[in-house]
Amino acid sequence: MTPDRPVYTDPNATVAWSGNLQPNIKTDVSLKTFFGRSSGESLQMEFVGDGFVVIQPYEEVYGAPQ
C-alpha cells in the first residue's frame, strides 16, 4: 500500500500490519445498518502509509453448532 491509497479492512479479518502503519477505526452507522440493508461493514479499520496489511477471510456463522 502507499500513502495516497488507504486500505480498509474488517477488524475480524485483520491479522497483522507493518509497524509504520497506524490503524484508525471507521464507523458507518445509519438506519440501513440496523435493517440489514447496508452495502458494507459498519465498523472498519483504515490503514494509511507505506507498508502492508495481512488479512484472513472471516465469516460469522449464526446458529451453527459449536
N, C-alpha and C. Protein backbone atom coordinates (compact mmCIF):
# COMPACT_ATOMS: atom_id res chain seq x y z
N MET A 1 0.83 -1.17 0.00
CA MET A 1 0.00 0.00 0.00
C MET A 1 0.87 1.23 0.00
N THR A 2 0.29 2.35 -0.37
CA THR A 2 1.02 3.61 -0.44
C THR A 2 0.23 4.70 0.28
N PRO A 3 0.90 5.80 0.65
CA PRO A 3 0.20 6.86 1.42
C PRO A 3 -1.02 7.46 0.72
N ASP A 4 -1.04 7.46 -0.60
CA ASP A 4 -2.17 8.07 -1.32
C ASP A 4 -3.33 7.10 -1.54
N ARG A 5 -3.19 5.84 -1.10
CA ARG A 5 -4.25 4.86 -1.28
C ARG A 5 -4.49 4.09 0.01
N PRO A 6 -5.34 4.58 0.91
CA PRO A 6 -5.61 3.88 2.17
C PRO A 6 -6.28 2.54 1.92
N VAL A 7 -6.13 1.64 2.88
CA VAL A 7 -6.75 0.32 2.81
C VAL A 7 -7.72 0.19 3.98
N TYR A 8 -8.91 -0.37 3.70
CA TYR A 8 -9.92 -0.58 4.72
C TYR A 8 -10.14 -2.07 4.90
N THR A 9 -10.18 -2.54 6.15
CA THR A 9 -10.34 -3.96 6.42
C THR A 9 -11.40 -4.19 7.49
N ASP A 10 -11.93 -5.40 7.50
CA ASP A 10 -12.83 -5.85 8.56
C ASP A 10 -11.96 -6.16 9.78
N PRO A 11 -12.25 -5.60 10.95
CA PRO A 11 -11.42 -5.87 12.14
C PRO A 11 -11.31 -7.36 12.48
N ASN A 12 -12.35 -8.15 12.20
CA ASN A 12 -12.31 -9.57 12.49
C ASN A 12 -11.37 -10.33 11.55
N ALA A 13 -11.08 -9.77 10.38
CA ALA A 13 -10.23 -10.43 9.40
C ALA A 13 -8.80 -9.91 9.43
N THR A 14 -8.54 -8.83 10.14
CA THR A 14 -7.22 -8.22 10.17
C THR A 14 -6.32 -8.99 11.12
N VAL A 15 -5.20 -9.48 10.59
CA VAL A 15 -4.29 -10.32 11.36
C VAL A 15 -3.09 -9.51 11.85
N ALA A 16 -2.44 -8.75 10.96
CA ALA A 16 -1.22 -8.01 11.31
C ALA A 16 -1.01 -6.89 10.30
N TRP A 17 -0.15 -5.94 10.68
CA TRP A 17 0.23 -4.86 9.77
C TRP A 17 1.64 -4.41 10.11
N SER A 18 2.30 -3.76 9.15
CA SER A 18 3.67 -3.33 9.37
C SER A 18 3.69 -2.19 10.39
N GLY A 19 4.79 -2.11 11.13
CA GLY A 19 4.89 -1.22 12.27
C GLY A 19 4.76 0.26 11.98
N ASN A 20 5.00 0.68 10.75
CA ASN A 20 4.92 2.10 10.45
C ASN A 20 3.51 2.55 10.09
N LEU A 21 2.54 1.63 10.07
CA LEU A 21 1.14 1.99 9.80
C LEU A 21 0.40 2.19 11.12
N GLN A 22 -0.45 3.16 11.14
CA GLN A 22 -1.26 3.44 12.33
C GLN A 22 -2.73 3.16 11.98
N PRO A 23 -3.35 2.17 12.62
CA PRO A 23 -4.75 1.88 12.30
C PRO A 23 -5.70 2.92 12.90
N ASN A 24 -6.74 3.22 12.15
CA ASN A 24 -7.82 4.08 12.62
C ASN A 24 -9.11 3.29 12.50
N ILE A 25 -10.03 3.48 13.44
CA ILE A 25 -11.33 2.82 13.40
C ILE A 25 -12.33 3.75 12.72
N LYS A 26 -13.02 3.23 11.72
CA LYS A 26 -14.04 3.99 11.00
C LYS A 26 -15.39 3.32 11.22
N THR A 27 -16.40 4.12 11.48
CA THR A 27 -17.75 3.58 11.66
C THR A 27 -18.70 4.16 10.63
N ASP A 28 -19.70 3.38 10.27
CA ASP A 28 -20.75 3.81 9.35
C ASP A 28 -22.06 3.30 9.91
N VAL A 29 -22.64 4.07 10.81
CA VAL A 29 -23.89 3.67 11.45
C VAL A 29 -25.02 4.54 10.92
N SER A 30 -26.03 3.87 10.38
CA SER A 30 -27.20 4.58 9.85
C SER A 30 -28.41 3.66 10.00
N LEU A 31 -29.57 4.11 9.57
CA LEU A 31 -30.76 3.27 9.64
C LEU A 31 -30.59 2.02 8.78
N LYS A 32 -29.88 2.14 7.65
CA LYS A 32 -29.64 0.98 6.80
C LYS A 32 -28.88 -0.11 7.56
N THR A 33 -27.96 0.30 8.43
CA THR A 33 -27.17 -0.66 9.21
C THR A 33 -28.09 -1.49 10.10
N PHE A 34 -29.06 -0.85 10.74
CA PHE A 34 -29.94 -1.55 11.66
C PHE A 34 -30.92 -2.50 10.96
N PHE A 35 -31.26 -2.19 9.71
CA PHE A 35 -32.23 -3.02 8.99
C PHE A 35 -31.56 -3.99 8.02
N GLY A 36 -30.23 -4.10 8.06
CA GLY A 36 -29.54 -5.08 7.25
C GLY A 36 -29.45 -4.75 5.78
N ARG A 37 -29.59 -3.47 5.42
CA ARG A 37 -29.52 -3.09 4.01
C ARG A 37 -28.25 -2.32 3.69
N SER A 38 -27.28 -2.43 4.55
CA SER A 38 -26.01 -1.75 4.33
C SER A 38 -25.20 -2.52 3.31
N SER A 39 -24.40 -1.81 2.52
CA SER A 39 -23.60 -2.47 1.49
C SER A 39 -22.23 -2.88 1.99
N GLY A 40 -21.88 -2.53 3.24
CA GLY A 40 -20.56 -2.87 3.74
C GLY A 40 -20.57 -3.08 5.23
N GLU A 41 -19.39 -3.18 5.79
CA GLU A 41 -19.26 -3.36 7.23
C GLU A 41 -19.52 -2.04 7.94
N SER A 42 -20.14 -2.07 9.11
CA SER A 42 -20.40 -0.84 9.85
C SER A 42 -19.19 -0.41 10.66
N LEU A 43 -18.22 -1.31 10.87
CA LEU A 43 -17.00 -1.00 11.60
C LEU A 43 -15.83 -1.50 10.76
N GLN A 44 -14.91 -0.60 10.44
CA GLN A 44 -13.76 -0.97 9.62
C GLN A 44 -12.50 -0.36 10.21
N MET A 45 -11.37 -0.97 9.85
CA MET A 45 -10.07 -0.41 10.20
C MET A 45 -9.50 0.25 8.95
N GLU A 46 -8.95 1.45 9.11
CA GLU A 46 -8.33 2.17 8.00
C GLU A 46 -6.83 2.23 8.25
N PHE A 47 -6.05 1.92 7.21
CA PHE A 47 -4.60 2.00 7.29
C PHE A 47 -4.10 2.96 6.22
N VAL A 48 -3.22 3.89 6.62
CA VAL A 48 -2.66 4.87 5.69
C VAL A 48 -1.14 4.84 5.85
N GLY A 49 -0.44 4.93 4.74
CA GLY A 49 1.02 4.99 4.78
C GLY A 49 1.65 3.95 3.89
N ASP A 50 2.97 3.79 4.02
CA ASP A 50 3.71 2.77 3.29
C ASP A 50 3.80 1.53 4.15
N GLY A 51 3.43 0.39 3.60
CA GLY A 51 3.53 -0.84 4.37
C GLY A 51 2.62 -1.91 3.83
N PHE A 52 2.27 -2.85 4.71
CA PHE A 52 1.41 -3.96 4.31
C PHE A 52 0.44 -4.29 5.43
N VAL A 53 -0.67 -4.93 5.05
CA VAL A 53 -1.68 -5.41 5.99
C VAL A 53 -1.96 -6.87 5.62
N VAL A 54 -1.98 -7.74 6.62
CA VAL A 54 -2.29 -9.15 6.41
C VAL A 54 -3.73 -9.38 6.87
N ILE A 55 -4.55 -9.94 5.98
CA ILE A 55 -5.93 -10.24 6.34
C ILE A 55 -6.22 -11.72 6.08
N GLN A 56 -7.19 -12.23 6.81
CA GLN A 56 -7.63 -13.62 6.67
C GLN A 56 -9.14 -13.58 6.50
N PRO A 57 -9.68 -14.33 5.54
CA PRO A 57 -11.14 -14.34 5.37
C PRO A 57 -11.83 -14.74 6.68
N TYR A 58 -12.94 -14.07 6.97
CA TYR A 58 -13.69 -14.33 8.19
C TYR A 58 -15.16 -14.17 7.89
N GLU A 59 -15.93 -15.17 8.22
CA GLU A 59 -17.39 -15.09 8.11
C GLU A 59 -17.99 -15.61 9.40
N GLU A 60 -18.86 -14.84 10.00
CA GLU A 60 -19.53 -15.26 11.22
C GLU A 60 -20.75 -16.09 10.84
N VAL A 61 -20.85 -17.28 11.39
CA VAL A 61 -21.96 -18.18 11.09
C VAL A 61 -22.89 -18.18 12.30
N TYR A 62 -24.12 -17.79 12.06
CA TYR A 62 -25.12 -17.73 13.12
C TYR A 62 -25.86 -19.05 13.23
N GLY A 63 -26.06 -19.51 14.44
CA GLY A 63 -26.85 -20.69 14.67
C GLY A 63 -26.14 -22.01 14.39
N ALA A 64 -24.84 -21.95 14.13
CA ALA A 64 -24.08 -23.18 13.87
C ALA A 64 -23.75 -23.86 15.20
N PRO A 65 -23.80 -25.19 15.23
CA PRO A 65 -23.44 -25.90 16.47
C PRO A 65 -21.97 -25.69 16.79
N GLN A 66 -21.68 -25.61 18.08
CA GLN A 66 -20.29 -25.37 18.49
C GLN A 66 -19.71 -26.54 19.18
